[in-house]
Amino acid sequence: MTHLVSMCCISLYVAATCVLLVQLWRPSRAGRTTRAASGLLYAGVILHTVTMFLVFKDPRMVILENGADYFLWVSWALALVCVIGKRWFDFPLLEAFIVPAIVLFMGSSSYLLHQGAQSLIADEAATRPAGVLVSLLHSVPALVAVVSLLLALAVSVAFLVVERRLKQRSLAVLASGGLNLQALDSLNRHLVQIGFVAISLVIVSGGLWAVIKQKAIFTLDTSVVSGLLVWVLLAVILHARLVLRWSPRRVSKLTVLVTASFFVSVFAVMALAGRINHADLWSLGG
């Protein structure tokens, strides 16, 4: 049942992506493609929610402590952002980037589940109130950080695409996207700021977890190093924007470089290691 619902959900997202691409290049004056894409997206989110309920009803699954759990939460959060965002703005160009990302994370979650990934919370110490609290303080900001970085990647790419089309004066195509450079640049800035704050909370809560577990606060473990590296790179982006006053185009290029490198690394580790979980996300020896 779970597999059937999830496959139907992914199929709806794929169909929505195809309709969005058609809408970008051959917009319907009657708005048929817009309504079709919205309907497919809404139906996909409903089945997505049902999939999450069926998966997490299994007592062996502990939210956000397993790579499959985490990827499924990321995909669902992206879907919610996409649906909620349609109430304030309807940008087919952005949706054409975000919906495939939802499919990618859902597929990755399915892959990890079929690989037999197990929950990390297996020891009794994790059931202590302090452990649960720190886990939430760590995992929730981590989820926010990943979602905001992925959205920042999509917005940055959209900015570069729109700017290029403006230079080529492809106004007919741009009219269907409802986008303008100022709005994209402002949204990109907010997303990077949210990601920076979220990763800062992840680092602090990770230090608290280390203290509770009586472990070293800083180690050469790749998960720790990569988290600090992303945090520093986001600080560089904000510094370039707010202090150095880089142009939106240069900031967008830098954001694409940083965020794309992060996600390529994540999926490369998944492909090589065969699974991802909180403890060995960046460790190929796990």
C-alpha atoms as a PDB file:
ATOM      1  CA  MET A   1       0.000   0.000   0.000  1.00  0.00           C
ATOM      2  CA  THR A   2       2.750   2.444   0.973  1.00  0.00           C
ATOM      3  CA  HIS A   3       4.711   1.690  -2.181  1.00  0.00           C
ATOM      4  CA  LEU A   4       1.645   2.175  -4.388  1.00  0.00           C
ATOM      5  CA  VAL A   5       0.733   5.511  -2.812  1.00  0.00           C
ATOM      6  CA  SER A   6       4.303   6.820  -2.981  1.00  0.00           C
ATOM      7  CA  MET A   7       4.680   5.806  -6.637  1.00  0.00           C
ATOM      8  CA  CYS A   8       1.388   7.506  -7.507  1.00  0.00           C
ATOM      9  CA  CYS A   9       2.614  10.593  -5.659  1.00  0.00           C
ATOM     10  CA  ILE A  10       5.916  10.669  -7.545  1.00  0.00           C
ATOM     11  CA  SER A  11       4.054  10.157 -10.816  1.00  0.00           C
ATOM     12  CA  LEU A  12       1.855  13.168 -10.083  1.00  0.00           C
ATOM     13  CA  TYR A  13       4.910  15.305  -9.306  1.00  0.00           C
ATOM     14  CA  VAL A  14       6.593  14.189 -12.538  1.00  0.00           C
ATOM     15  CA  ALA A  15       3.439  15.016 -14.502  1.00  0.00           C
ATOM     16  CA  ALA A  16       3.274  18.423 -12.790  1.00  0.00           C
ATOM     17  CA  THR A  17       6.889  19.079 -13.811  1.00  0.00           C
ATOM     18  CA  CYS A  18       6.115  18.252 -17.438  1.00  0.00           C
ATOM     19  CA  VAL A  19       3.091  20.564 -17.446  1.00  0.00           C
ATOM     20  CA  LEU A  20       5.131  23.354 -15.850  1.00  0.00           C
ATOM     21  CA  LEU A  21       7.790  23.029 -18.539  1.00  0.00           C
ATOM     22  CA  VAL A  22       5.115  23.159 -21.233  1.00  0.00           C
ATOM     23  CA  GLN A  23       3.632  26.209 -19.541  1.00  0.00           C
ATOM     24  CA  LEU A  24       6.986  27.984 -19.589  1.00  0.00           C
ATOM     25  CA  TRP A  25       7.635  27.488 -23.263  1.00  0.00           C
ATOM     26  CA  ARG A  26       4.093  27.385 -24.631  1.00  0.00           C
ATOM     27  CA  PRO A  27       1.841  29.203 -22.147  1.00  0.00           C
ATOM     28  CA  SER A  28      -1.895  28.698 -22.497  1.00  0.00           C
ATOM     29  CA  ARG A  29      -3.858  31.915 -22.738  1.00  0.00           C
ATOM     30  CA  ALA A  30      -6.888  30.188 -21.242  1.00  0.00           C
ATOM     31  CA  GLY A  31      -4.835  29.142 -18.210  1.00  0.00           C
ATOM     32  CA  ARG A  32      -5.358  25.433 -18.780  1.00  0.00           C
ATOM     33  CA  THR A  33      -1.751  24.472 -18.118  1.00  0.00           C
ATOM     34  CA  THR A  34      -1.727  26.553 -14.925  1.00  0.00           C
ATOM     35  CA  ARG A  35      -4.817  24.796 -13.589  1.00  0.00           C
ATOM     36  CA  ALA A  36      -3.484  21.394 -14.646  1.00  0.00           C
ATOM     37  CA  ALA A  37      -0.120  21.963 -12.927  1.00  0.00           C
ATOM     38  CA  SER A  38      -1.811  23.206  -9.761  1.00  0.00           C
ATOM     39  CA  GLY A  39      -4.179  20.256  -9.680  1.00  0.00           C
ATOM     40  CA  LEU A  40      -1.383  17.747 -10.128  1.00  0.00           C
ATOM     41  CA  LEU A  41       0.712  19.462  -7.455  1.00  0.00           C
ATOM     42  CA  TYR A  42      -2.136  19.541  -4.920  1.00  0.00           C
ATOM     43  CA  ALA A  43      -2.991  15.898  -5.565  1.00  0.00           C
ATOM     44  CA  GLY A  44       0.683  14.988  -5.185  1.00  0.00           C
ATOM     45  CA  VAL A  45       0.926  16.786  -1.842  1.00  0.00           C
ATOM     46  CA  ILE A  46      -2.150  14.934  -0.555  1.00  0.00           C
ATOM     47  CA  LEU A  47      -0.707  11.547  -1.509  1.00  0.00           C
ATOM     48  CA  HIS A  48       2.667  12.685  -0.169  1.00  0.00           C
ATOM     49  CA  THR A  49       1.080  13.357   3.222  1.00  0.00           C
ATOM     50  CA  VAL A  50      -0.618   9.942   3.161  1.00  0.00           C
ATOM     51  CA  THR A  51       2.730   8.341   2.313  1.00  0.00           C
ATOM     52  CA  MET A  52       4.380   9.987   5.306  1.00  0.00           C
ATOM     53  CA  PHE A  53       1.604   8.787   7.598  1.00  0.00           C
ATOM     54  CA  LEU A  54       1.941   5.214   6.351  1.00  0.00           C
ATOM     55  CA  VAL A  55       5.739   5.240   6.645  1.00  0.00           C
ATOM     56  CA  PHE A  56       5.986   6.809  10.076  1.00  0.00           C
ATOM     57  CA  LYS A  57       3.216   4.630  11.449  1.00  0.00           C
ATOM     58  CA  ASP A  58       5.861   1.927  11.482  1.00  0.00           C
ATOM     59  CA  PRO A  59       7.275   1.980  15.062  1.00  0.00           C
ATOM     60  CA  ARG A  60      10.752   1.174  13.758  1.00  0.00           C
ATOM     61  CA  MET A  61      10.991   4.536  12.061  1.00  0.00           C
ATOM     62  CA  VAL A  62      12.069   7.484  14.190  1.00  0.00           C
ATOM     63  CA  ILE A  63      11.537  10.902  12.655  1.00  0.00           C
ATOM     64  CA  LEU A  64      14.677  12.696  11.459  1.00  0.00           C
ATOM     65  CA  GLU A  65      17.082  10.101  12.810  1.00  0.00           C
ATOM     66  CA  ASN A  66      17.281   8.054   9.660  1.00  0.00           C
ATOM     67  CA  GLY A  67      18.382   9.157   6.217  1.00  0.00           C
ATOM     68  CA  ALA A  68      15.169   7.889   4.621  1.00  0.00           C
ATOM     69  CA  ASP A  69      13.102   9.707   7.245  1.00  0.00           C
ATOM     70  CA  TYR A  70      15.053  12.888   6.744  1.00  0.00           C
ATOM     71  CA  PHE A  71      14.826  12.894   2.964  1.00  0.00           C
ATOM     72  CA  LEU A  72      11.082  12.249   3.113  1.00  0.00           C
ATOM     73  CA  TRP A  73      10.638  15.173   5.512  1.00  0.00           C
ATOM     74  CA  VAL A  74      12.681  17.440   3.248  1.00  0.00           C
ATOM     75  CA  SER A  75      10.596  16.508   0.209  1.00  0.00           C
ATOM     76  CA  TRP A  76       7.345  17.075   2.116  1.00  0.00           C
ATOM     77  CA  ALA A  77       8.536  20.430   3.471  1.00  0.00           C
ATOM     78  CA  LEU A  78       9.454  21.522  -0.058  1.00  0.00           C
ATOM     79  CA  ALA A  79       6.014  20.488  -1.279  1.00  0.00           C
ATOM     80  CA  LEU A  80       4.319  22.497   1.477  1.00  0.00           C
ATOM     81  CA  VAL A  81       6.453  25.557   0.714  1.00  0.00           C
ATOM     82  CA  CYS A  82       5.550  25.230  -2.958  1.00  0.00           C
ATOM     83  CA  VAL A  83       1.817  24.953  -2.239  1.00  0.00           C
ATOM     84  CA  ILE A  84       1.728  27.707   0.395  1.00  0.00           C
ATOM     85  CA  GLY A  85       3.831  29.963  -1.819  1.00  0.00           C
ATOM     86  CA  LYS A  86       1.232  29.726  -4.582  1.00  0.00           C
ATOM     87  CA  ARG A  87      -1.173  31.705  -2.380  1.00  0.00           C
ATOM     88  CA  TRP A  88       1.092  34.773  -2.514  1.00  0.00           C
ATOM     89  CA  PHE A  89       2.859  34.318  -5.826  1.00  0.00           C
ATOM     90  CA  ASP A  90       2.617  31.940  -8.738  1.00  0.00           C
ATOM     91  CA  PHE A  91       6.007  31.491 -10.360  1.00  0.00           C
ATOM     92  CA  PRO A  92       6.001  28.558 -12.810  1.00  0.00           C
ATOM     93  CA  LEU A  93       9.733  29.003 -13.381  1.00  0.00           C
ATOM     94  CA  LEU A  94      10.516  28.440  -9.692  1.00  0.00           C
ATOM     95  CA  GLU A  95       8.045  25.570  -9.454  1.00  0.00           C
ATOM     96  CA  ALA A  96       9.729  23.924 -12.444  1.00  0.00           C
ATOM     97  CA  PHE A  97      12.915  23.733 -10.324  1.00  0.00           C
ATOM     98  CA  ILE A  98      11.320  22.898  -6.964  1.00  0.00           C
ATOM     99  CA  VAL A  99       8.964  20.084  -8.027  1.00  0.00           C
ATOM    100  CA  PRO A 100      11.763  17.966  -9.588  1.00  0.00           C
ATOM    101  CA  ALA A 101      13.714  18.457  -6.339  1.00  0.00           C
ATOM    102  CA  ILE A 102      10.729  17.015  -4.481  1.00  0.00           C
ATOM    103  CA  VAL A 103      10.846  13.974  -6.759  1.00  0.00           C
ATOM    104  CA  LEU A 104      14.600  13.652  -6.197  1.00  0.00           C
ATOM    105  CA  PHE A 105      14.302  13.655  -2.417  1.00  0.00           C
ATOM    106  CA  MET A 106      11.304  11.315  -2.442  1.00  0.00           C
ATOM    107  CA  GLY A 107      13.179   8.917  -4.696  1.00  0.00           C
ATOM    108  CA  SER A 108      16.212   9.097  -2.440  1.00  0.00           C
ATOM    109  CA  SER A 109      14.036   8.348   0.573  1.00  0.00           C
ATOM    110  CA  SER A 110      12.573   5.318  -1.196  1.00  0.00           C
ATOM    111  CA  TYR A 111      16.064   4.176  -2.146  1.00  0.00           C
ATOM    112  CA  LEU A 112      17.285   4.389   1.435  1.00  0.00           C
ATOM    113  CA  LEU A 113      14.226   2.584   2.769  1.00  0.00           C
ATOM    114  CA  HIS A 114      14.742  -0.251   0.301  1.00  0.00           C
ATOM    115  CA  GLN A 115      18.386  -0.440   1.341  1.00  0.00           C
ATOM    116  CA  GLY A 116      17.168  -1.361   4.807  1.00  0.00           C
ATOM    117  CA  ALA A 117      18.358   1.785   6.570  1.00  0.00           C
ATOM    118  CA  GLN A 118      17.699   1.533  10.298  1.00  0.00           C
ATOM    119  CA  SER A 119      16.823   4.180  12.809  1.00  0.00           C
ATOM    120  CA  LEU A 120      19.722   5.511  14.847  1.00  0.00           C
ATOM    121  CA  ILE A 121      17.742   5.975  18.030  1.00  0.00           C
ATOM    122  CA  ALA A 122      18.138   2.478  19.310  1.00  0.00           C
ATOM    123  CA  ASP A 123      19.813   3.055  22.642  1.00  0.00           C
ATOM    124  CA  GLU A 124      17.887   3.891  25.771  1.00  0.00           C
ATOM    125  CA  ALA A 125      19.849   7.083  26.389  1.00  0.00           C
ATOM    126  CA  ALA A 126      18.102   8.751  23.449  1.00  0.00           C
ATOM    127  CA  THR A 127      14.777   8.409  25.246  1.00  0.00           C
ATOM    128  CA  ARG A 128      15.864  10.762  28.008  1.00  0.00           C
ATOM    129  CA  PRO A 129      14.057  14.127  27.896  1.00  0.00           C
ATOM    130  CA  ALA A 130      17.308  16.032  27.465  1.00  0.00           C
ATOM    131  CA  GLY A 131      18.352  13.808  24.577  1.00  0.00           C
ATOM    132  CA  VAL A 132      14.986  14.199  22.865  1.00  0.00           C
ATOM    133  CA  LEU A 133      15.026  17.977  23.340  1.00  0.00           C
ATOM    134  CA  VAL A 134      18.520  18.382  21.943  1.00  0.00           C
ATOM    135  CA  SER A 135      17.613  16.058  19.080  1.00  0.00           C
ATOM    136  CA  LEU A 136      14.689  18.310  18.165  1.00  0.00           C
ATOM    137  CA  LEU A 137      16.820  21.443  18.532  1.00  0.00           C
ATOM    138  CA  HIS A 138      19.297  19.850  16.140  1.00  0.00           C
ATOM    139  CA  SER A 139      17.101  18.082  13.597  1.00  0.00           C
ATOM    140  CA  VAL A 140      14.414  20.716  13.065  1.00  0.00           C
ATOM    141  CA  PRO A 141      16.888  23.538  12.229  1.00  0.00           C
ATOM    142  CA  ALA A 142      18.742  21.047  10.013  1.00  0.00           C
ATOM    143  CA  LEU A 143      15.523  20.435   8.098  1.00  0.00           C
ATOM    144  CA  VAL A 144      14.924  24.179   7.777  1.00  0.00           C
ATOM    145  CA  ALA A 145      18.505  24.695   6.599  1.00  0.00           C
ATOM    146  CA  VAL A 146      18.315  22.057   3.876  1.00  0.00           C
ATOM    147  CA  VAL A 147      14.959  23.324   2.589  1.00  0.00           C
ATOM    148  CA  SER A 148      16.098  26.961   2.583  1.00  0.00           C
ATOM    149  CA  LEU A 149      19.357  26.095   0.797  1.00  0.00           C
ATOM    150  CA  LEU A 150      17.534  24.114  -1.861  1.00  0.00           C
ATOM    151  CA  LEU A 151      15.085  26.967  -2.377  1.00  0.00           C
ATOM    152  CA  ALA A 152      17.991  29.420  -2.520  1.00  0.00           C
ATOM    153  CA  LEU A 153      19.552  27.276  -5.249  1.00  0.00           C
ATOM    154  CA  ALA A 154      16.306  27.298  -7.241  1.00  0.00           C
ATOM    155  CA  VAL A 155      15.813  31.046  -6.797  1.00  0.00           C
ATOM    156  CA  SER A 156      19.415  31.817  -7.774  1.00  0.00           C
ATOM    157  CA  VAL A 157      19.174  29.739 -10.925  1.00  0.00           C
ATOM    158  CA  ALA A 158      15.834  31.370 -11.739  1.00  0.00           C
ATOM    159  CA  PHE A 159      17.429  34.793 -11.274  1.00  0.00           C
ATOM    160  CA  LEU A 160      20.212  33.981 -13.725  1.00  0.00           C
ATOM    161  CA  VAL A 161      17.723  32.550 -16.236  1.00  0.00           C
ATOM    162  CA  VAL A 162      15.430  35.569 -16.018  1.00  0.00           C
ATOM    163  CA  GLU A 163      18.337  37.986 -16.306  1.00  0.00           C
ATOM    164  CA  ARG A 164      19.629  36.181 -19.383  1.00  0.00           C
ATOM    165  CA  ARG A 165      16.207  36.227 -20.984  1.00  0.00           C
ATOM    166  CA  LEU A 166      15.808  39.900 -20.239  1.00  0.00           C
ATOM    167  CA  LYS A 167      19.074  40.579 -22.009  1.00  0.00           C
ATOM    168  CA  GLN A 168      17.797  38.552 -24.944  1.00  0.00           C
ATOM    169  CA  ARG A 169      14.447  40.374 -24.635  1.00  0.00           C
ATOM    170  CA  SER A 170      12.480  37.147 -24.513  1.00  0.00           C
ATOM    171  CA  LEU A 171       9.542  38.952 -22.909  1.00  0.00           C
ATOM    172  CA  ALA A 172       6.878  36.610 -24.214  1.00  0.00           C
ATOM    173  CA  VAL A 173       8.356  33.712 -22.278  1.00  0.00           C
ATOM    174  CA  LEU A 174       8.964  35.791 -19.162  1.00  0.00           C
ATOM    175  CA  ALA A 175       5.354  36.938 -19.043  1.00  0.00           C
ATOM    176  CA  SER A 176       4.270  33.426 -18.143  1.00  0.00           C
ATOM    177  CA  GLY A 177       6.624  33.251 -15.171  1.00  0.00           C
ATOM    178  CA  GLY A 178       5.482  36.341 -13.304  1.00  0.00           C
ATOM    179  CA  LEU A 179       9.038  36.930 -12.105  1.00  0.00           C
ATOM    180  CA  ASN A 180      11.119  40.061 -11.684  1.00  0.00           C
ATOM    181  CA  LEU A 181      14.746  40.353 -10.719  1.00  0.00           C
ATOM    182  CA  GLN A 182      14.193  42.499  -7.638  1.00  0.00           C
ATOM    183  CA  ALA A 183      11.738  40.017  -6.124  1.00  0.00           C
ATOM    184  CA  LEU A 184      14.043  37.088  -6.839  1.00  0.00           C
ATOM    185  CA  ASP A 185      17.061  38.850  -5.354  1.00  0.00           C
ATOM    186  CA  SER A 186      15.133  39.764  -2.204  1.00  0.00           C
ATOM    187  CA  LEU A 187      13.816  36.205  -1.823  1.00  0.00           C
ATOM    188  CA  ASN A 188      17.310  34.819  -2.319  1.00  0.00           C
ATOM    189  CA  ARG A 189      18.695  37.072   0.418  1.00  0.00           C
ATOM    190  CA  HIS A 190      16.021  35.982   2.901  1.00  0.00           C
ATOM    191  CA  LEU A 191      16.551  32.295   2.140  1.00  0.00           C
ATOM    192  CA  VAL A 192      20.318  32.512   2.647  1.00  0.00           C
ATOM    193  CA  GLN A 193      19.794  34.367   5.923  1.00  0.00           C
ATOM    194  CA  ILE A 194      17.342  31.718   7.118  1.00  0.00           C
ATOM    195  CA  GLY A 195      19.775  28.968   6.124  1.00  0.00           C
ATOM    196  CA  PHE A 196      22.640  30.689   7.921  1.00  0.00           C
ATOM    197  CA  VAL A 197      20.654  31.070  11.159  1.00  0.00           C
ATOM    198  CA  ALA A 198      19.374  27.486  10.935  1.00  0.00           C
ATOM    199  CA  ILE A 199      22.857  26.032  10.431  1.00  0.00           C
ATOM    200  CA  SER A 200      24.103  28.163  13.333  1.00  0.00           C
ATOM    201  CA  LEU A 201      21.459  26.510  15.529  1.00  0.00           C
ATOM    202  CA  VAL A 202      22.503  23.103  14.184  1.00  0.00           C
ATOM    203  CA  ILE A 203      26.125  23.754  15.182  1.00  0.00           C
ATOM    204  CA  VAL A 204      25.186  24.973  18.669  1.00  0.00           C
ATOM    205  CA  SER A 205      22.786  22.083  19.326  1.00  0.00           C
ATOM    206  CA  GLY A 206      25.405  19.653  18.011  1.00  0.00           C
ATOM    207  CA  GLY A 207      27.837  21.021  20.582  1.00  0.00           C
ATOM    208  CA  LEU A 208      25.221  20.554  23.320  1.00  0.00           C
ATOM    209  CA  TRP A 209      24.655  16.982  22.190  1.00  0.00           C
ATOM    210  CA  ALA A 210      28.402  16.325  22.389  1.00  0.00           C
ATOM    211  CA  VAL A 211      28.509  17.717  25.935  1.00  0.00           C
ATOM    212  CA  ILE A 212      25.542  15.554  26.997  1.00  0.00           C
ATOM    213  CA  LYS A 213      27.127  12.471  25.475  1.00  0.00           C
ATOM    214  CA  GLN A 214      30.525  13.431  26.964  1.00  0.00           C
ATOM    215  CA  LYS A 215      32.158  13.512  23.559  1.00  0.00           C
ATOM    216  CA  ALA A 216      34.562  15.976  21.971  1.00  0.00           C
ATOM    217  CA  ILE A 217      32.785  19.126  20.776  1.00  0.00           C
ATOM    218  CA  PHE A 218      34.963  19.346  17.679  1.00  0.00           C
ATOM    219  CA  THR A 219      36.394  16.395  15.815  1.00  0.00           C
ATOM    220  CA  LEU A 220      37.739  15.829  12.326  1.00  0.00           C
ATOM    221  CA  ASP A 221      34.630  13.822  11.487  1.00  0.00           C
ATOM    222  CA  THR A 222      33.483  14.851   8.030  1.00  0.00           C
ATOM    223  CA  SER A 223      29.925  15.611   9.198  1.00  0.00           C
ATOM    224  CA  VAL A 224      31.240  18.219  11.629  1.00  0.00           C
ATOM    225  CA  VAL A 225      33.720  19.686   9.162  1.00  0.00           C
ATOM    226  CA  SER A 226      31.149  19.890   6.355  1.00  0.00           C
ATOM    227  CA  GLY A 227      28.596  21.594   8.600  1.00  0.00           C
ATOM    228  CA  LEU A 228      31.118  24.231   9.610  1.00  0.00           C
ATOM    229  CA  LEU A 229      32.226  24.647   5.997  1.00  0.00           C
ATOM    230  CA  VAL A 230      28.684  25.294   4.770  1.00  0.00           C
ATOM    231  CA  TRP A 231      28.164  27.742   7.637  1.00  0.00           C
ATOM    232  CA  VAL A 232      31.330  29.646   6.677  1.00  0.00           C
ATOM    233  CA  LEU A 233      30.389  29.697   2.991  1.00  0.00           C
ATOM    234  CA  LEU A 234      26.941  31.091   3.774  1.00  0.00           C
ATOM    235  CA  ALA A 235      28.637  33.766   5.861  1.00  0.00           C
ATOM    236  CA  VAL A 236      30.808  34.548   2.825  1.00  0.00           C
ATOM    237  CA  ILE A 237      27.682  34.952   0.676  1.00  0.00           C
ATOM    238  CA  LEU A 238      26.112  37.331   3.193  1.00  0.00           C
ATOM    239  CA  HIS A 239      29.373  39.242   3.534  1.00  0.00           C
ATOM    240  CA  ALA A 240      29.646  39.617  -0.234  1.00  0.00           C
ATOM    241  CA  ARG A 241      26.075  40.894  -0.424  1.00  0.00           C
ATOM    242  CA  LEU A 242      25.818  43.124   2.641  1.00  0.00           C
ATOM    243  CA  VAL A 243      29.370  44.384   3.096  1.00  0.00           C
ATOM    244  CA  LEU A 244      31.118  44.119  -0.257  1.00  0.00           C
ATOM    245  CA  ARG A 245      27.916  45.109  -2.091  1.00  0.00           C
ATOM    246  CA  TRP A 246      28.300  42.531  -4.837  1.00  0.00           C
ATOM    247  CA  SER A 247      25.802  42.727  -7.673  1.00  0.00           C
ATOM    248  CA  PRO A 248      22.775  40.394  -7.447  1.00  0.00           C
ATOM    249  CA  ARG A 249      24.113  38.499 -10.443  1.00  0.00           C
ATOM    250  CA  ARG A 250      27.464  37.754  -8.770  1.00  0.00           C
ATOM    251  CA  VAL A 251      25.744  36.829  -5.509  1.00  0.00           C
ATOM    252  CA  SER A 252      23.404  34.464  -7.373  1.00  0.00           C
ATOM    253  CA  LYS A 253      26.346  32.771  -9.072  1.00  0.00           C
ATOM    254  CA  LEU A 254      28.119  32.349  -5.728  1.00  0.00           C
ATOM    255  CA  THR A 255      24.935  30.975  -4.139  1.00  0.00           C
ATOM    256  CA  VAL A 256      24.512  28.448  -6.949  1.00  0.00           C
ATOM    257  CA  LEU A 257      28.132  27.334  -6.542  1.00  0.00           C
ATOM    258  CA  VAL A 258      27.849  26.861  -2.762  1.00  0.00           C
ATOM    259  CA  THR A 259      24.414  25.239  -2.601  1.00  0.00           C
ATOM    260  CA  ALA A 260      24.871  23.029  -5.659  1.00  0.00           C
ATOM    261  CA  SER A 261      28.190  21.758  -4.297  1.00  0.00           C
ATOM    262  CA  PHE A 262      26.493  20.911  -1.006  1.00  0.00           C
ATOM    263  CA  PHE A 263      23.701  18.867  -2.574  1.00  0.00           C
ATOM    264  CA  VAL A 264      25.986  17.152  -5.086  1.00  0.00           C
ATOM    265  CA  SER A 265      28.157  16.070  -2.150  1.00  0.00           C
ATOM    266  CA  VAL A 266      25.138  14.728  -0.263  1.00  0.00           C
ATOM    267  CA  PHE A 267      23.920  12.594  -3.138  1.00  0.00           C
ATOM    268  CA  ALA A 268      27.442  11.488  -4.043  1.00  0.00           C
ATOM    269  CA  VAL A 269      27.890  10.167  -0.506  1.00  0.00           C
ATOM    270  CA  MET A 270      24.525   8.443  -0.708  1.00  0.00           C
ATOM    271  CA  ALA A 271      25.420   6.777  -4.001  1.00  0.00           C
ATOM    272  CA  LEU A 272      28.842   5.609  -2.781  1.00  0.00           C
ATOM    273  CA  ALA A 273      27.884   4.598   0.736  1.00  0.00           C
ATOM    274  CA  GLY A 274      24.509   3.138  -0.169  1.00  0.00           C
ATOM    275  CA  ARG A 275      22.791   4.869   2.732  1.00  0.00           C
ATOM    276  CA  ILE A 276      22.721   8.104   4.674  1.00  0.00           C
ATOM    277  CA  ASN A 277      21.972   8.648   8.310  1.00  0.00           C
ATOM    278  CA  HIS A 278      22.716  11.282  10.858  1.00  0.00           C
ATOM    279  CA  ALA A 279      25.904   9.671  12.182  1.00  0.00           C
ATOM    280  CA  ASP A 280      27.716   8.912   8.951  1.00  0.00           C
ATOM    281  CA  LEU A 281      26.126  11.330   6.478  1.00  0.00           C
ATOM    282  CA  TRP A 282      29.564  12.384   5.260  1.00  0.00           C
ATOM    283  CA  SER A 283      31.468   9.237   6.151  1.00  0.00           C
ATOM    284  CA  LEU A 284      32.046   6.740   3.367  1.00  0.00           C
ATOM    285  CA  GLY A 285      33.258   4.194   5.842  1.00  0.00           C
ATOM    286  CA  GLY A 286      29.881   3.978   7.642  1.00  0.00           C
END
